Amino acid sequence: MYALGDGEIESNNFFYSLFLIFLAYLYFCWHWIKGRQTLGMRSWYIYVVNESNTSLNWKQASLRFAAALLSLVIIGLGFVWALFDKKKLALHDHLSKTKLIVHKSFA
């Protein structure tokens, strides 16, 4: 079977790469939707919300994930965008209409 090769998965296997991206998608979107934070975001006391300060829906989370991947592909320029943005939002936040909030008691 092409997807598995000779019983072991090679690092350049397209299906394996697609599987890893899918796992990352589930991890980030699930946490953004259900708890508004990933494990790393909890360490910094930040969470993600939409423009009305409520939890993201699947459409917003999916768009945020896809735009963040795009930001990485263009050498991280989507993240650098936040340094020059008036609202300090990254490109994926603009496209998905989301923002990061620092927990009030730690600001």
PDB file of N, CA and C in Angstrom:
ATOM      1  N   MET A   1       0.844  -1.180   0.000  1.00  0.00           N
ATOM      2  CA  MET A   1       0.000   0.000   0.000  1.00  0.00           C
ATOM      3  C   MET A   1       0.892   1.247   0.000  1.00  0.00           C
ATOM      4  N   TYR A   2       0.597   2.183  -0.877  1.00  0.00           N
ATOM      5  CA  TYR A   2       1.439   3.370  -1.042  1.00  0.00           C
ATOM      6  C   TYR A   2       1.502   4.228   0.211  1.00  0.00           C
ATOM      7  N   ALA A   3       0.389   4.345   0.918  1.00  0.00           N
ATOM      8  CA  ALA A   3       0.342   5.234   2.078  1.00  0.00           C
ATOM      9  C   ALA A   3       1.303   4.788   3.183  1.00  0.00           C
ATOM     10  N   LEU A   4       1.533   3.473   3.296  1.00  0.00           N
ATOM     11  CA  LEU A   4       2.397   2.973   4.356  1.00  0.00           C
ATOM     12  C   LEU A   4       3.787   2.575   3.870  1.00  0.00           C
ATOM     13  N   GLY A   5       3.976   2.410   2.601  1.00  0.00           N
ATOM     14  CA  GLY A   5       5.280   1.968   2.096  1.00  0.00           C
ATOM     15  C   GLY A   5       5.474   0.501   2.431  1.00  0.00           C
ATOM     16  N   ASP A   6       6.626   0.156   2.979  1.00  0.00           N
ATOM     17  CA  ASP A   6       6.931  -1.234   3.325  1.00  0.00           C
ATOM     18  C   ASP A   6       6.714  -1.509   4.807  1.00  0.00           C
ATOM     19  N   GLY A   7       5.674  -0.986   5.378  1.00  0.00           N
ATOM     20  CA  GLY A   7       5.368  -1.221   6.772  1.00  0.00           C
ATOM     21  C   GLY A   7       5.865  -0.138   7.705  1.00  0.00           C
ATOM     22  N   GLU A   8       6.644   0.774   7.219  1.00  0.00           N
ATOM     23  CA  GLU A   8       7.096   1.885   8.038  1.00  0.00           C
ATOM     24  C   GLU A   8       6.796   3.189   7.310  1.00  0.00           C
ATOM     25  N   ILE A   9       6.595   4.217   8.046  1.00  0.00           N
ATOM     26  CA  ILE A   9       6.239   5.500   7.451  1.00  0.00           C
ATOM     27  C   ILE A   9       7.501   6.318   7.249  1.00  0.00           C
ATOM     28  N   GLU A  10       7.710   6.751   6.037  1.00  0.00           N
ATOM     29  CA  GLU A  10       8.872   7.586   5.738  1.00  0.00           C
ATOM     30  C   GLU A  10       8.512   9.049   5.993  1.00  0.00           C
ATOM     31  N   SER A  11       9.524   9.837   6.339  1.00  0.00           N
ATOM     32  CA  SER A  11       9.273  11.230   6.693  1.00  0.00           C
ATOM     33  C   SER A  11       8.775  12.066   5.516  1.00  0.00           C
ATOM     34  N   ASN A  12       9.063  11.660   4.296  1.00  0.00           N
ATOM     35  CA  ASN A  12       8.616  12.428   3.135  1.00  0.00           C
ATOM     36  C   ASN A  12       7.292  11.910   2.572  1.00  0.00           C
ATOM     37  N   ASN A  13       6.579  11.101   3.321  1.00  0.00           N
ATOM     38  CA  ASN A  13       5.301  10.547   2.902  1.00  0.00           C
ATOM     39  C   ASN A  13       4.233  11.639   2.956  1.00  0.00           C
ATOM     40  N   PHE A  14       3.583  11.898   1.823  1.00  0.00           N
ATOM     41  CA  PHE A  14       2.566  12.951   1.724  1.00  0.00           C
ATOM     42  C   PHE A  14       1.421  12.711   2.704  1.00  0.00           C
ATOM     43  N   PHE A  15       0.952  11.477   2.810  1.00  0.00           N
ATOM     44  CA  PHE A  15      -0.191  11.171   3.667  1.00  0.00           C
ATOM     45  C   PHE A  15       0.161  11.357   5.144  1.00  0.00           C
ATOM     46  N   TYR A  16       1.394  11.048   5.503  1.00  0.00           N
ATOM     47  CA  TYR A  16       1.839  11.255   6.882  1.00  0.00           C
ATOM     48  C   TYR A  16       1.876  12.752   7.212  1.00  0.00           C
ATOM     49  N   SER A  17       2.385  13.554   6.303  1.00  0.00           N
ATOM     50  CA  SER A  17       2.408  15.007   6.502  1.00  0.00           C
ATOM     51  C   SER A  17       0.994  15.552   6.623  1.00  0.00           C
ATOM     52  N   LEU A  18       0.110  15.080   5.774  1.00  0.00           N
ATOM     53  CA  LEU A  18      -1.294  15.496   5.826  1.00  0.00           C
ATOM     54  C   LEU A  18      -1.934  15.087   7.156  1.00  0.00           C
ATOM     55  N   PHE A  19      -1.604  13.902   7.633  1.00  0.00           N
ATOM     56  CA  PHE A  19      -2.114  13.417   8.907  1.00  0.00           C
ATOM     57  C   PHE A  19      -1.634  14.306  10.061  1.00  0.00           C
ATOM     58  N   LEU A  20      -0.364  14.702  10.052  1.00  0.00           N
ATOM     59  CA  LEU A  20       0.171  15.565  11.105  1.00  0.00           C
ATOM     60  C   LEU A  20      -0.478  16.945  11.100  1.00  0.00           C
ATOM     61  N   ILE A  21      -0.726  17.486   9.915  1.00  0.00           N
ATOM     62  CA  ILE A  21      -1.414  18.778   9.818  1.00  0.00           C
ATOM     63  C   ILE A  21      -2.841  18.655  10.349  1.00  0.00           C
ATOM     64  N   PHE A  22      -3.493  17.531  10.033  1.00  0.00           N
ATOM     65  CA  PHE A  22      -4.850  17.297  10.525  1.00  0.00           C
ATOM     66  C   PHE A  22      -4.869  17.205  12.054  1.00  0.00           C
ATOM     67  N   LEU A  23      -3.889  16.515  12.647  1.00  0.00           N
ATOM     68  CA  LEU A  23      -3.807  16.430  14.108  1.00  0.00           C
ATOM     69  C   LEU A  23      -3.590  17.804  14.733  1.00  0.00           C
ATOM     70  N   ALA A  24      -2.713  18.603  14.133  1.00  0.00           N
ATOM     71  CA  ALA A  24      -2.487  19.968  14.631  1.00  0.00           C
ATOM     72  C   ALA A  24      -3.766  20.786  14.534  1.00  0.00           C
ATOM     73  N   TYR A  25      -4.474  20.639  13.406  1.00  0.00           N
ATOM     74  CA  TYR A  25      -5.753  21.340  13.219  1.00  0.00           C
ATOM     75  C   TYR A  25      -6.729  20.992  14.339  1.00  0.00           C
ATOM     76  N   LEU A  26      -6.884  19.701  14.615  1.00  0.00           N
ATOM     77  CA  LEU A  26      -7.808  19.277  15.670  1.00  0.00           C
ATOM     78  C   LEU A  26      -7.384  19.815  17.029  1.00  0.00           C
ATOM     79  N   TYR A  27      -6.100  19.746  17.323  1.00  0.00           N
ATOM     80  CA  TYR A  27      -5.602  20.215  18.620  1.00  0.00           C
ATOM     81  C   TYR A  27      -5.901  21.697  18.814  1.00  0.00           C
ATOM     82  N   PHE A  28      -5.455  22.526  17.871  1.00  0.00           N
ATOM     83  CA  PHE A  28      -5.627  23.969  18.036  1.00  0.00           C
ATOM     84  C   PHE A  28      -7.097  24.372  17.999  1.00  0.00           C
ATOM     85  N   CYS A  29      -7.828  23.929  17.005  1.00  0.00           N
ATOM     86  CA  CYS A  29      -9.231  24.346  16.876  1.00  0.00           C
ATOM     87  C   CYS A  29     -10.071  23.883  18.061  1.00  0.00           C
ATOM     88  N   TRP A  30      -9.888  22.643  18.480  1.00  0.00           N
ATOM     89  CA  TRP A  30     -10.653  22.129  19.616  1.00  0.00           C
ATOM     90  C   TRP A  30     -10.412  22.979  20.863  1.00  0.00           C
ATOM     91  N   HIS A  31      -9.153  23.278  21.146  1.00  0.00           N
ATOM     92  CA  HIS A  31      -8.844  24.061  22.335  1.00  0.00           C
ATOM     93  C   HIS A  31      -9.301  25.514  22.215  1.00  0.00           C
ATOM     94  N   TRP A  32      -9.174  26.101  21.049  1.00  0.00           N
ATOM     95  CA  TRP A  32      -9.658  27.472  20.858  1.00  0.00           C
ATOM     96  C   TRP A  32     -11.168  27.558  21.034  1.00  0.00           C
ATOM     97  N   ILE A  33     -11.887  26.540  20.603  1.00  0.00           N
ATOM     98  CA  ILE A  33     -13.348  26.549  20.671  1.00  0.00           C
ATOM     99  C   ILE A  33     -13.838  26.195  22.075  1.00  0.00           C
ATOM    100  N   LYS A  34     -13.320  25.143  22.654  1.00  0.00           N
ATOM    101  CA  LYS A  34     -13.831  24.638  23.931  1.00  0.00           C
ATOM    102  C   LYS A  34     -13.309  25.388  25.150  1.00  0.00           C
ATOM    103  N   GLY A  35     -12.039  25.760  25.151  1.00  0.00           N
ATOM    104  CA  GLY A  35     -11.508  26.403  26.340  1.00  0.00           C
ATOM    105  C   GLY A  35     -10.862  27.749  26.083  1.00  0.00           C
ATOM    106  N   ARG A  36     -10.839  28.168  24.815  1.00  0.00           N
ATOM    107  CA  ARG A  36     -10.258  29.436  24.372  1.00  0.00           C
ATOM    108  C   ARG A  36      -8.746  29.506  24.581  1.00  0.00           C
ATOM    109  N   GLN A  37      -8.113  28.414  25.000  1.00  0.00           N
ATOM    110  CA  GLN A  37      -6.673  28.403  25.232  1.00  0.00           C
ATOM    111  C   GLN A  37      -6.085  27.046  24.859  1.00  0.00           C
ATOM    112  N   THR A  38      -4.856  27.079  24.343  1.00  0.00           N
ATOM    113  CA  THR A  38      -4.072  25.858  24.244  1.00  0.00           C
ATOM    114  C   THR A  38      -3.238  25.772  25.508  1.00  0.00           C
ATOM    115  N   LEU A  39      -2.517  24.703  25.672  1.00  0.00           N
ATOM    116  CA  LEU A  39      -1.683  24.544  26.857  1.00  0.00           C
ATOM    117  C   LEU A  39      -0.635  25.650  26.944  1.00  0.00           C
ATOM    118  N   GLY A  40      -0.023  25.991  25.814  1.00  0.00           N
ATOM    119  CA  GLY A  40       0.966  27.067  25.802  1.00  0.00           C
ATOM    120  C   GLY A  40       0.364  28.424  26.141  1.00  0.00           C
ATOM    121  N   MET A  41      -0.852  28.663  25.706  1.00  0.00           N
ATOM    122  CA  MET A  41      -1.519  29.930  25.993  1.00  0.00           C
ATOM    123  C   MET A  41      -1.831  30.046  27.483  1.00  0.00           C
ATOM    124  N   ARG A  42      -2.105  28.923  28.141  1.00  0.00           N
ATOM    125  CA  ARG A  42      -2.372  28.951  29.588  1.00  0.00           C
ATOM    126  C   ARG A  42      -1.146  29.427  30.355  1.00  0.00           C
ATOM    127  N   SER A  43       0.032  29.042  29.890  1.00  0.00           N
ATOM    128  CA  SER A  43       1.277  29.445  30.562  1.00  0.00           C
ATOM    129  C   SER A  43       1.460  30.952  30.561  1.00  0.00           C
ATOM    130  N   TRP A  44       0.972  31.599  29.519  1.00  0.00           N
ATOM    131  CA  TRP A  44       1.124  33.052  29.388  1.00  0.00           C
ATOM    132  C   TRP A  44      -0.137  33.805  29.766  1.00  0.00           C
ATOM    133  N   TYR A  45      -1.150  33.097  30.283  1.00  0.00           N
ATOM    134  CA  TYR A  45      -2.411  33.696  30.723  1.00  0.00           C
ATOM    135  C   TYR A  45      -3.105  34.479  29.605  1.00  0.00           C
ATOM    136  N   ILE A  46      -3.073  33.927  28.401  1.00  0.00           N
ATOM    137  CA  ILE A  46      -3.777  34.557  27.280  1.00  0.00           C
ATOM    138  C   ILE A  46      -4.804  33.598  26.719  1.00  0.00           C
ATOM    139  N   TYR A  47      -5.821  34.147  26.112  1.00  0.00           N
ATOM    140  CA  TYR A  47      -6.823  33.335  25.442  1.00  0.00           C
ATOM    141  C   TYR A  47      -7.299  34.051  24.198  1.00  0.00           C
ATOM    142  N   VAL A  48      -7.925  33.287  23.316  1.00  0.00           N
ATOM    143  CA  VAL A  48      -8.376  33.839  22.042  1.00  0.00           C
ATOM    144  C   VAL A  48      -9.898  33.944  22.045  1.00  0.00           C
ATOM    145  N   VAL A  49     -10.399  35.071  21.552  1.00  0.00           N
ATOM    146  CA  VAL A  49     -11.836  35.314  21.456  1.00  0.00           C
ATOM    147  C   VAL A  49     -12.137  35.933  20.095  1.00  0.00           C
ATOM    148  N   ASN A  50     -13.411  35.966  19.743  1.00  0.00           N
ATOM    149  CA  ASN A  50     -13.792  36.648  18.505  1.00  0.00           C
ATOM    150  C   ASN A  50     -14.069  38.123  18.811  1.00  0.00           C
ATOM    151  N   GLU A  51     -14.533  38.858  17.821  1.00  0.00           N
ATOM    152  CA  GLU A  51     -14.733  40.305  17.986  1.00  0.00           C
ATOM    153  C   GLU A  51     -15.749  40.660  19.065  1.00  0.00           C
ATOM    154  N   SER A  52     -16.684  39.752  19.344  1.00  0.00           N
ATOM    155  CA  SER A  52     -17.685  40.020  20.385  1.00  0.00           C
ATOM    156  C   SER A  52     -17.274  39.421  21.735  1.00  0.00           C
ATOM    157  N   ASN A  53     -15.990  39.106  21.876  1.00  0.00           N
ATOM    158  CA  ASN A  53     -15.414  38.572  23.120  1.00  0.00           C
ATOM    159  C   ASN A  53     -16.038  37.266  23.582  1.00  0.00           C
ATOM    160  N   THR A  54     -16.478  36.431  22.644  1.00  0.00           N
ATOM    161  CA  THR A  54     -16.997  35.108  22.970  1.00  0.00           C
ATOM    162  C   THR A  54     -16.108  34.053  22.314  1.00  0.00           C
ATOM    163  N   SER A  55     -16.372  32.800  22.634  1.00  0.00           N
ATOM    164  CA  SER A  55     -15.584  31.696  22.086  1.00  0.00           C
ATOM    165  C   SER A  55     -15.730  31.611  20.571  1.00  0.00           C
ATOM    166  N   LEU A  56     -14.700  31.106  19.947  1.00  0.00           N
ATOM    167  CA  LEU A  56     -14.711  30.945  18.495  1.00  0.00           C
ATOM    168  C   LEU A  56     -15.642  29.812  18.097  1.00  0.00           C
ATOM    169  N   ASN A  57     -16.153  29.867  16.873  1.00  0.00           N
ATOM    170  CA  ASN A  57     -16.885  28.739  16.318  1.00  0.00           C
ATOM    171  C   ASN A  57     -15.923  27.979  15.402  1.00  0.00           C
ATOM    172  N   TRP A  58     -16.369  26.862  14.833  1.00  0.00           N
ATOM    173  CA  TRP A  58     -15.473  26.045  13.993  1.00  0.00           C
ATOM    174  C   TRP A  58     -15.004  26.801  12.759  1.00  0.00           C
ATOM    175  N   LYS A  59     -15.857  27.629  12.202  1.00  0.00           N
ATOM    176  CA  LYS A  59     -15.470  28.380  11.010  1.00  0.00           C
ATOM    177  C   LYS A  59     -14.332  29.354  11.328  1.00  0.00           C
ATOM    178  N   GLN A  60     -14.470  30.099  12.412  1.00  0.00           N
ATOM    179  CA  GLN A  60     -13.429  31.058  12.802  1.00  0.00           C
ATOM    180  C   GLN A  60     -12.130  30.351  13.175  1.00  0.00           C
ATOM    181  N   ALA A  61     -12.239  29.268  13.931  1.00  0.00           N
ATOM    182  CA  ALA A  61     -11.046  28.528  14.344  1.00  0.00           C
ATOM    183  C   ALA A  61     -10.335  27.925  13.135  1.00  0.00           C
ATOM    184  N   SER A  62     -11.101  27.394  12.194  1.00  0.00           N
ATOM    185  CA  SER A  62     -10.510  26.811  10.987  1.00  0.00           C
ATOM    186  C   SER A  62      -9.821  27.877  10.150  1.00  0.00           C
ATOM    187  N   LEU A  63     -10.462  29.014  10.014  1.00  0.00           N
ATOM    188  CA  LEU A  63      -9.869  30.108   9.254  1.00  0.00           C
ATOM    189  C   LEU A  63      -8.611  30.623   9.944  1.00  0.00           C
ATOM    190  N   ARG A  64      -8.641  30.724  11.258  1.00  0.00           N
ATOM    191  CA  ARG A  64      -7.465  31.174  12.017  1.00  0.00           C
ATOM    192  C   ARG A  64      -6.312  30.192  11.843  1.00  0.00           C
ATOM    193  N   PHE A  65      -6.603  28.894  11.896  1.00  0.00           N
ATOM    194  CA  PHE A  65      -5.563  27.882  11.725  1.00  0.00           C
ATOM    195  C   PHE A  65      -4.958  27.945  10.325  1.00  0.00           C
ATOM    196  N   ALA A  66      -5.816  28.015   9.305  1.00  0.00           N
ATOM    197  CA  ALA A  66      -5.332  28.063   7.914  1.00  0.00           C
ATOM    198  C   ALA A  66      -4.511  29.326   7.667  1.00  0.00           C
ATOM    199  N   ALA A  67      -4.958  30.447   8.196  1.00  0.00           N
ATOM    200  CA  ALA A  67      -4.229  31.703   8.001  1.00  0.00           C
ATOM    201  C   ALA A  67      -2.900  31.692   8.755  1.00  0.00           C
ATOM    202  N   ALA A  68      -2.861  31.045   9.923  1.00  0.00           N
ATOM    203  CA  ALA A  68      -1.605  30.935  10.665  1.00  0.00           C
ATOM    204  C   ALA A  68      -0.615  30.059   9.902  1.00  0.00           C
ATOM    205  N   LEU A  69      -1.107  29.002   9.266  1.00  0.00           N
ATOM    206  CA  LEU A  69      -0.228  28.187   8.415  1.00  0.00           C
ATOM    207  C   LEU A  69       0.312  29.013   7.259  1.00  0.00           C
ATOM    208  N   LEU A  70      -0.544  29.801   6.649  1.00  0.00           N
ATOM    209  CA  LEU A  70      -0.113  30.686   5.569  1.00  0.00           C
ATOM    210  C   LEU A  70       0.947  31.660   6.077  1.00  0.00           C
ATOM    211  N   SER A  71       0.744  32.188   7.276  1.00  0.00           N
ATOM    212  CA  SER A  71       1.716  33.109   7.867  1.00  0.00           C
ATOM    213  C   SER A  71       3.078  32.446   8.034  1.00  0.00           C
ATOM    214  N   LEU A  72       3.077  31.181   8.402  1.00  0.00           N
ATOM    215  CA  LEU A  72       4.342  30.455   8.541  1.00  0.00           C
ATOM    216  C   LEU A  72       5.003  30.213   7.192  1.00  0.00           C
ATOM    217  N   VAL A  73       4.188  29.890   6.194  1.00  0.00           N
ATOM    218  CA  VAL A  73       4.717  29.597   4.861  1.00  0.00           C
ATOM    219  C   VAL A  73       5.404  30.817   4.253  1.00  0.00           C
ATOM    220  N   ILE A  74       4.888  31.998   4.533  1.00  0.00           N
ATOM    221  CA  ILE A  74       5.504  33.215   3.993  1.00  0.00           C
ATOM    222  C   ILE A  74       6.553  33.758   4.969  1.00  0.00           C
ATOM    223  N   ILE A  75       7.339  32.839   5.493  1.00  0.00           N
ATOM    224  CA  ILE A  75       8.493  33.136   6.345  1.00  0.00           C
ATOM    225  C   ILE A  75       8.100  33.902   7.615  1.00  0.00           C
ATOM    226  N   GLY A  76       6.924  33.628   8.134  1.00  0.00           N
ATOM    227  CA  GLY A  76       6.501  34.234   9.384  1.00  0.00           C
ATOM    228  C   GLY A  76       6.050  35.679   9.284  1.00  0.00           C
ATOM    229  N   LEU A  77       5.891  36.189   8.068  1.00  0.00           N
ATOM    230  CA  LEU A  77       5.519  37.597   7.910  1.00  0.00           C
ATOM    231  C   LEU A  77       4.143  37.915   8.491  1.00  0.00           C
ATOM    232  N   GLY A  78       3.262  36.931   8.520  1.00  0.00           N
ATOM    233  CA  GLY A  78       1.943  37.151   9.119  1.00  0.00           C
ATOM    234  C   GLY A  78       2.019  37.401  10.609  1.00  0.00           C
ATOM    235  N   PHE A  79       3.040  36.839  11.255  1.00  0.00           N
ATOM    236  CA  PHE A  79       3.243  37.073  12.687  1.00  0.00           C
ATOM    237  C   PHE A  79       3.967  38.395  12.916  1.00  0.00           C
ATOM    238  N   VAL A  80       4.909  38.726  12.049  1.00  0.00           N
ATOM    239  CA  VAL A  80       5.643  39.991  12.136  1.00  0.00           C
ATOM    240  C   VAL A  80       4.676  41.160  11.955  1.00  0.00           C
ATOM    241  N   TRP A  81       3.620  40.934  11.193  1.00  0.00           N
ATOM    242  CA  TRP A  81       2.575  41.933  10.952  1.00  0.00           C
ATOM    243  C   TRP A  81       2.127  42.560  12.278  1.00  0.00           C
ATOM    244  N   ALA A  82       2.012  41.751  13.343  1.00  0.00           N
ATOM    245  CA  ALA A  82       1.512  42.234  14.637  1.00  0.00           C
ATOM    246  C   ALA A  82       2.408  43.315  15.236  1.00  0.00           C
ATOM    247  N   LEU A  83       3.676  43.313  14.892  1.00  0.00           N
ATOM    248  CA  LEU A  83       4.589  44.326  15.428  1.00  0.00           C
ATOM    249  C   LEU A  83       4.271  45.721  14.911  1.00  0.00           C
ATOM    250  N   PHE A  84       3.681  45.793  13.720  1.00  0.00           N
ATOM    251  CA  PHE A  84       3.409  47.079  13.086  1.00  0.00           C
ATOM    252  C   PHE A  84       1.927  47.438  13.041  1.00  0.00           C
ATOM    253  N   ASP A  85       1.083  46.530  13.504  1.00  0.00           N
ATOM    254  CA  ASP A  85      -0.366  46.749  13.479  1.00  0.00           C
ATOM    255  C   ASP A  85      -0.784  47.620  14.672  1.00  0.00           C
ATOM    256  N   LYS A  86      -1.707  48.554  14.428  1.00  0.00           N
ATOM    257  CA  LYS A  86      -2.176  49.442  15.508  1.00  0.00           C
ATOM    258  C   LYS A  86      -2.812  48.660  16.653  1.00  0.00           C
ATOM    259  N   LYS A  87      -3.575  47.617  16.324  1.00  0.00           N
ATOM    260  CA  LYS A  87      -4.247  46.814  17.346  1.00  0.00           C
ATOM    261  C   LYS A  87      -3.395  45.645  17.824  1.00  0.00           C
ATOM    262  N   LYS A  88      -2.190  45.516  17.286  1.00  0.00           N
ATOM    263  CA  LYS A  88      -1.261  44.433  17.629  1.00  0.00           C
ATOM    264  C   LYS A  88      -1.828  43.054  17.276  1.00  0.00           C
ATOM    265  N   LEU A  89      -2.574  42.987  16.166  1.00  0.00           N
ATOM    266  CA  LEU A  89      -3.143  41.729  15.699  1.00  0.00           C
ATOM    267  C   LEU A  89      -2.280  41.150  14.579  1.00  0.00           C
ATOM    268  N   ALA A  90      -2.100  39.849  14.600  1.00  0.00           N
ATOM    269  CA  ALA A  90      -1.391  39.165  13.522  1.00  0.00           C
ATOM    270  C   ALA A  90      -2.325  39.024  12.318  1.00  0.00           C
ATOM    271  N   LEU A  91      -1.758  38.642  11.192  1.00  0.00           N
ATOM    272  CA  LEU A  91      -2.551  38.497   9.964  1.00  0.00           C
ATOM    273  C   LEU A  91      -3.694  37.506  10.154  1.00  0.00           C
ATOM    274  N   HIS A  92      -3.423  36.380  10.823  1.00  0.00           N
ATOM    275  CA  HIS A  92      -4.489  35.383  11.008  1.00  0.00           C
ATOM    276  C   HIS A  92      -5.598  35.892  11.931  1.00  0.00           C
ATOM    277  N   ASP A  93      -5.286  36.802  12.825  1.00  0.00           N
ATOM    278  CA  ASP A  93      -6.337  37.410  13.651  1.00  0.00           C
ATOM    279  C   ASP A  93      -7.219  38.339  12.823  1.00  0.00           C
ATOM    280  N   HIS A  94      -6.613  39.096  11.935  1.00  0.00           N
ATOM    281  CA  HIS A  94      -7.400  39.973  11.050  1.00  0.00           C
ATOM    282  C   HIS A  94      -8.324  39.155  10.159  1.00  0.00           C
ATOM    283  N   LEU A  95      -7.774  38.101   9.544  1.00  0.00           N
ATOM    284  CA  LEU A  95      -8.567  37.307   8.598  1.00  0.00           C
ATOM    285  C   LEU A  95      -9.694  36.532   9.273  1.00  0.00           C
ATOM    286  N   SER A  96      -9.474  36.074  10.509  1.00  0.00           N
ATOM    287  CA  SER A  96     -10.501  35.286  11.195  1.00  0.00           C
ATOM    288  C   SER A  96     -11.354  36.110  12.158  1.00  0.00           C
ATOM    289  N   LYS A  97     -11.063  37.415  12.241  1.00  0.00           N
ATOM    290  CA  LYS A  97     -11.789  38.304  13.142  1.00  0.00           C
ATOM    291  C   LYS A  97     -11.716  37.823  14.592  1.00  0.00           C
ATOM    292  N   THR A  98     -10.476  37.535  15.026  1.00  0.00           N
ATOM    293  CA  THR A  98     -10.223  37.097  16.387  1.00  0.00           C
ATOM    294  C   THR A  98      -9.163  37.996  17.018  1.00  0.00           C
ATOM    295  N   LYS A  99      -8.961  37.826  18.312  1.00  0.00           N
ATOM    296  CA  LYS A  99      -7.912  38.577  18.998  1.00  0.00           C
ATOM    297  C   LYS A  99      -7.468  37.812  20.233  1.00  0.00           C
ATOM    298  N   LEU A 100      -6.253  38.104  20.684  1.00  0.00           N
ATOM    299  CA  LEU A 100      -5.730  37.516  21.909  1.00  0.00           C
ATOM    300  C   LEU A 100      -5.952  38.479  23.059  1.00  0.00           C
ATOM    301  N   ILE A 101      -6.350  37.944  24.197  1.00  0.00           N
ATOM    302  CA  ILE A 101      -6.613  38.720  25.391  1.00  0.00           C
ATOM    303  C   ILE A 101      -5.710  38.214  26.500  1.00  0.00           C
ATOM    304  N   VAL A 102      -5.070  39.125  27.229  1.00  0.00           N
ATOM    305  CA  VAL A 102      -4.304  38.755  28.415  1.00  0.00           C
ATOM    306  C   VAL A 102      -5.266  38.750  29.591  1.00  0.00           C
ATOM    307  N   HIS A 103      -5.222  37.695  30.387  1.00  0.00           N
ATOM    308  CA  HIS A 103      -6.118  37.587  31.538  1.00  0.00           C
ATOM    309  C   HIS A 103      -5.949  38.810  32.421  1.00  0.00           C
ATOM    310  N   LYS A 104      -7.048  39.420  32.814  1.00  0.00           N
ATOM    311  CA  LYS A 104      -7.048  40.709  33.515  1.00  0.00           C
ATOM    312  C   LYS A 104      -6.190  40.703  34.791  1.00  0.00           C
ATOM    313  N   SER A 105      -6.225  39.637  35.567  1.00  0.00           N
ATOM    314  CA  SER A 105      -5.492  39.653  36.838  1.00  0.00           C
ATOM    315  C   SER A 105      -3.987  39.526  36.671  1.00  0.00           C
ATOM    316  N   PHE A 106      -3.531  39.273  35.410  1.00  0.00           N
ATOM    317  CA  PHE A 106      -2.095  39.144  35.178  1.00  0.00           C
ATOM    318  C   PHE A 106      -1.565  40.217  34.245  1.00  0.00           C
ATOM    319  N   ALA A 107      -2.395  41.163  33.835  1.00  0.00           N
ATOM    320  CA  ALA A 107      -1.983  42.201  32.901  1.00  0.00           C
ATOM    321  C   ALA A 107      -1.105  43.243  33.557  1.00  0.00           C
TER     322      ALA A 107
END
